Amino acid sequence: MRPAEYATDEARIELALIHALWELGQNGESYDLVVLLQNSSPLRTSDDIDFCVNLLEGHTEADSVASAYMVEHEHPLRLQKIGDRGMLQPFWKGTPIYRRQDLPPVYVMNGAVYVVRRDYLIEHERVIGDHVLPYIMPHYRSLDVHSEVDLYIAEVQMQQLQRKAIEKHAADWQDKDPTQVLRDIYALRNGE
């Protein structure tokens, strides 16, 4: 159980993870990698998690992996601020406004999956290391839920993903017993 001091809004998740590692160590368990899955990222898949773990296991020069997505429209070089006279001006001085197509690709960590080497986490008390490998996720699954609007968008996305999964299996069900088809649909809708 997480101690109260690690369960507050101000508590750093890294300290809770280190405490969990210590508790596991007391039971004789030890792990080389730590995976952090934040509850505000409901659209990640088990494949995303597996890929991140395998990515870090395959690159000894890296200390962590962070999932991210490519920025499509809100590129940082296009940021504006309102100046003293109430006019828009570039946030970054001397930065012209580029066409979106001319801008270099940039990425935002989406909070869906973090994987860090155990020893790095303990030594530096950080999940995001100095040598971070990116795992690029599609933008539509990179939703980070922090508001009611985000939650609504996540629900709509999940319904669409379930519908696609059901459509994918429809041909397999043509010769099956209707009861089994209903069980399959129920399992798909419940993520089984």
Protein backbone atom coordinates (compact mmCIF):
# COMPACT_ATOMS: atom_id res chain seq x y z
CA MET A 1 0.00 0.00 0.00
CA ARG A 2 1.26 3.45 -0.88
CA PRO A 3 2.05 5.55 2.23
CA ALA A 4 -0.06 8.69 2.69
CA GLU A 5 2.86 11.03 1.92
CA TYR A 6 3.11 9.52 -1.58
CA ALA A 7 -0.65 9.69 -2.22
CA THR A 8 -1.21 13.46 -2.32
CA ASP A 9 -1.68 15.73 -5.33
CA GLU A 10 1.72 17.27 -4.57
CA ALA A 11 3.59 13.97 -4.21
CA ARG A 12 6.03 13.02 -6.95
CA ILE A 13 5.12 9.75 -8.65
CA GLU A 14 8.81 8.81 -8.80
CA LEU A 15 8.99 8.58 -5.02
CA ALA A 16 5.92 6.32 -4.94
CA LEU A 17 7.54 4.09 -7.59
CA ILE A 18 10.78 3.90 -5.61
CA HIS A 19 8.78 3.00 -2.50
CA ALA A 20 7.00 0.24 -4.46
CA LEU A 21 10.37 -1.11 -5.62
CA TRP A 22 11.58 -1.12 -2.02
CA GLU A 23 8.44 -2.99 -0.90
CA LEU A 24 8.88 -5.55 -3.68
CA GLY A 25 12.52 -5.95 -2.68
CA GLN A 26 11.40 -6.76 0.88
CA ASN A 27 9.47 -9.69 -0.63
CA GLY A 28 12.49 -10.86 -2.62
CA GLU A 29 11.27 -9.45 -5.94
CA SER A 30 13.46 -7.36 -8.24
CA TYR A 31 12.87 -5.90 -11.69
CA ASP A 32 15.20 -4.25 -14.19
CA LEU A 33 12.54 -1.96 -15.71
CA VAL A 34 9.70 0.08 -14.24
CA VAL A 35 6.59 0.86 -16.31
CA LEU A 36 4.45 3.87 -15.40
CA LEU A 37 0.91 3.90 -16.81
CA GLN A 38 -1.01 7.02 -15.90
CA ASN A 39 -4.75 6.63 -15.50
CA SER A 40 -5.38 9.75 -17.60
CA SER A 41 -4.40 7.89 -20.82
CA PRO A 42 -7.23 5.42 -21.46
CA LEU A 43 -6.56 4.82 -25.17
CA ARG A 44 -3.17 3.13 -24.92
CA THR A 45 -3.10 -0.56 -25.75
CA SER A 46 -1.22 -3.54 -24.40
CA ASP A 47 0.75 -3.48 -27.67
CA ASP A 48 1.90 0.07 -26.85
CA ILE A 49 3.17 -1.09 -23.47
CA ASP A 50 4.89 -4.19 -24.85
CA PHE A 51 6.56 -2.18 -27.62
CA CYS A 52 7.93 0.37 -25.13
CA VAL A 53 9.36 -2.35 -22.88
CA ASN A 54 10.94 -4.16 -25.83
CA LEU A 55 12.32 -0.88 -27.17
CA LEU A 56 14.16 -0.11 -23.94
CA GLU A 57 15.35 -3.71 -23.55
CA GLY A 58 16.86 -3.51 -27.03
CA HIS A 59 18.74 -0.22 -26.51
CA THR A 60 21.22 -0.34 -23.65
CA GLU A 61 22.36 3.24 -24.35
CA ALA A 62 18.93 4.57 -23.34
CA ASP A 63 17.70 4.98 -19.78
CA SER A 64 14.01 5.43 -20.58
CA VAL A 65 11.21 5.36 -23.15
CA ALA A 66 8.38 7.87 -23.34
CA SER A 67 5.34 7.66 -25.57
CA ALA A 68 4.68 10.72 -27.71
CA TYR A 69 2.77 11.93 -30.74
CA MET A 70 3.69 14.23 -33.60
CA VAL A 71 2.29 17.75 -33.34
CA GLU A 72 0.03 18.36 -36.30
CA HIS A 73 -1.30 21.92 -36.06
CA GLU A 74 -0.19 23.58 -32.81
CA HIS A 75 3.50 23.79 -33.73
CA PRO A 76 5.58 25.78 -31.22
CA LEU A 77 7.06 27.98 -33.96
CA ARG A 78 3.54 29.23 -34.72
CA LEU A 79 2.84 30.33 -31.13
CA GLN A 80 1.73 33.91 -30.64
CA LYS A 81 1.33 36.14 -27.61
CA ILE A 82 -0.56 39.35 -27.12
CA GLY A 83 1.90 42.22 -26.90
CA ASP A 84 1.77 45.48 -24.93
CA ARG A 85 -0.45 47.18 -27.54
CA GLY A 86 -2.90 44.28 -27.68
CA MET A 87 -1.55 42.90 -30.98
CA LEU A 88 -0.48 39.35 -31.74
CA GLN A 89 3.24 38.87 -32.05
CA PRO A 90 5.48 35.79 -32.30
CA PHE A 91 6.10 34.14 -28.94
CA TRP A 92 9.63 33.32 -30.07
CA LYS A 93 11.31 36.55 -31.18
CA GLY A 94 12.50 36.57 -34.77
CA THR A 95 10.37 33.58 -35.70
CA PRO A 96 8.36 34.07 -38.87
CA ILE A 97 5.04 32.27 -39.23
CA TYR A 98 5.67 29.25 -41.41
CA ARG A 99 3.25 27.22 -43.40
CA ARG A 100 2.48 24.08 -41.41
CA GLN A 101 3.92 21.94 -44.21
CA ASP A 102 7.30 23.72 -43.97
CA LEU A 103 7.79 23.23 -40.24
CA PRO A 104 10.14 20.57 -38.88
CA PRO A 105 8.36 17.70 -37.09
CA VAL A 106 8.09 18.05 -33.32
CA TYR A 107 6.67 15.68 -30.74
CA VAL A 108 4.82 15.95 -27.44
CA MET A 109 5.06 13.31 -24.73
CA ASN A 110 1.49 12.09 -24.23
CA GLY A 111 1.79 10.48 -20.78
CA ALA A 112 0.45 7.11 -21.96
CA VAL A 113 3.54 4.95 -21.32
CA TYR A 114 6.83 5.56 -19.55
CA VAL A 115 9.45 2.86 -19.10
CA VAL A 116 12.61 3.54 -17.09
CA ARG A 117 15.53 1.45 -15.93
CA ARG A 118 15.17 0.63 -12.24
CA ASP A 119 18.68 1.78 -11.31
CA TYR A 120 18.24 5.11 -13.13
CA LEU A 121 14.93 5.76 -11.34
CA ILE A 122 16.42 5.04 -7.93
CA GLU A 123 19.59 7.10 -8.52
CA HIS A 124 17.99 10.15 -10.17
CA GLU A 125 14.39 9.97 -8.87
CA ARG A 126 13.14 10.58 -12.41
CA VAL A 127 11.06 8.55 -14.85
CA ILE A 128 12.19 10.56 -17.85
CA GLY A 129 15.90 10.07 -18.20
CA ASP A 130 18.70 11.88 -19.99
CA HIS A 131 18.64 9.44 -22.92
CA VAL A 132 14.96 8.97 -23.81
CA LEU A 133 13.78 6.83 -26.69
CA PRO A 134 10.50 7.93 -28.25
CA TYR A 135 7.60 5.61 -28.92
CA ILE A 136 5.39 7.42 -31.41
CA MET A 137 1.68 6.80 -30.97
CA PRO A 138 -1.08 7.95 -33.27
CA HIS A 139 -2.55 11.30 -32.32
CA TYR A 140 -6.08 9.88 -31.96
CA ARG A 141 -4.91 7.54 -29.15
CA SER A 142 -2.78 10.14 -27.41
CA LEU A 143 -5.59 11.76 -25.48
CA ASP A 144 -4.64 12.83 -21.95
CA VAL A 145 -7.85 13.13 -19.91
CA HIS A 146 -7.91 16.14 -17.56
CA SER A 147 -11.37 17.62 -18.11
CA GLU A 148 -14.97 16.61 -18.77
CA VAL A 149 -14.48 17.45 -22.46
CA ASP A 150 -11.43 15.14 -22.60
CA LEU A 151 -13.47 12.39 -20.94
CA TYR A 152 -16.26 12.78 -23.50
CA ILE A 153 -13.74 12.62 -26.36
CA ALA A 154 -12.19 9.49 -24.83
CA GLU A 155 -15.61 7.82 -24.59
CA VAL A 156 -16.37 8.60 -28.23
CA GLN A 157 -12.94 7.32 -29.31
CA MET A 158 -13.40 4.08 -27.35
CA GLN A 159 -16.83 3.53 -28.90
CA GLN A 160 -15.36 4.00 -32.37
CA LEU A 161 -12.48 1.61 -31.63
CA GLN A 162 -14.94 -1.01 -30.31
CA ARG A 163 -17.14 -0.59 -33.40
CA LYS A 164 -14.12 -1.11 -35.67
CA ALA A 165 -13.13 -4.24 -33.72
CA ILE A 166 -16.64 -5.64 -34.03
CA GLU A 167 -16.72 -4.89 -37.77
CA LYS A 168 -13.34 -6.61 -38.17
CA HIS A 169 -14.75 -9.82 -36.64
CA ALA A 170 -18.15 -9.74 -38.38
CA ALA A 171 -17.09 -12.11 -41.19
CA ASP A 172 -15.91 -14.68 -38.62
CA TRP A 173 -19.36 -14.74 -37.02
CA GLN A 174 -21.46 -15.65 -40.05
CA ASP A 175 -21.41 -19.39 -39.33
CA LYS A 176 -21.26 -19.20 -35.52
CA ASP A 177 -23.95 -19.83 -32.98
CA PRO A 178 -25.72 -16.48 -32.17
CA THR A 179 -25.08 -16.98 -28.44
CA GLN A 180 -21.32 -17.24 -29.08
CA VAL A 181 -21.45 -14.12 -31.28
CA LEU A 182 -23.05 -12.18 -28.41
CA ARG A 183 -20.36 -13.45 -26.02
CA ASP A 184 -17.65 -12.33 -28.47
CA ILE A 185 -19.21 -8.88 -28.85
CA TYR A 186 -19.50 -8.55 -25.07
CA ALA A 187 -15.83 -9.51 -24.69
CA LEU A 188 -14.76 -6.94 -27.31
CA ARG A 189 -16.78 -4.20 -25.66
CA ASN A 190 -15.24 -4.98 -22.28
CA GLY A 191 -11.69 -5.14 -23.60
CA GLU A 192 -11.29 -8.88 -23.13
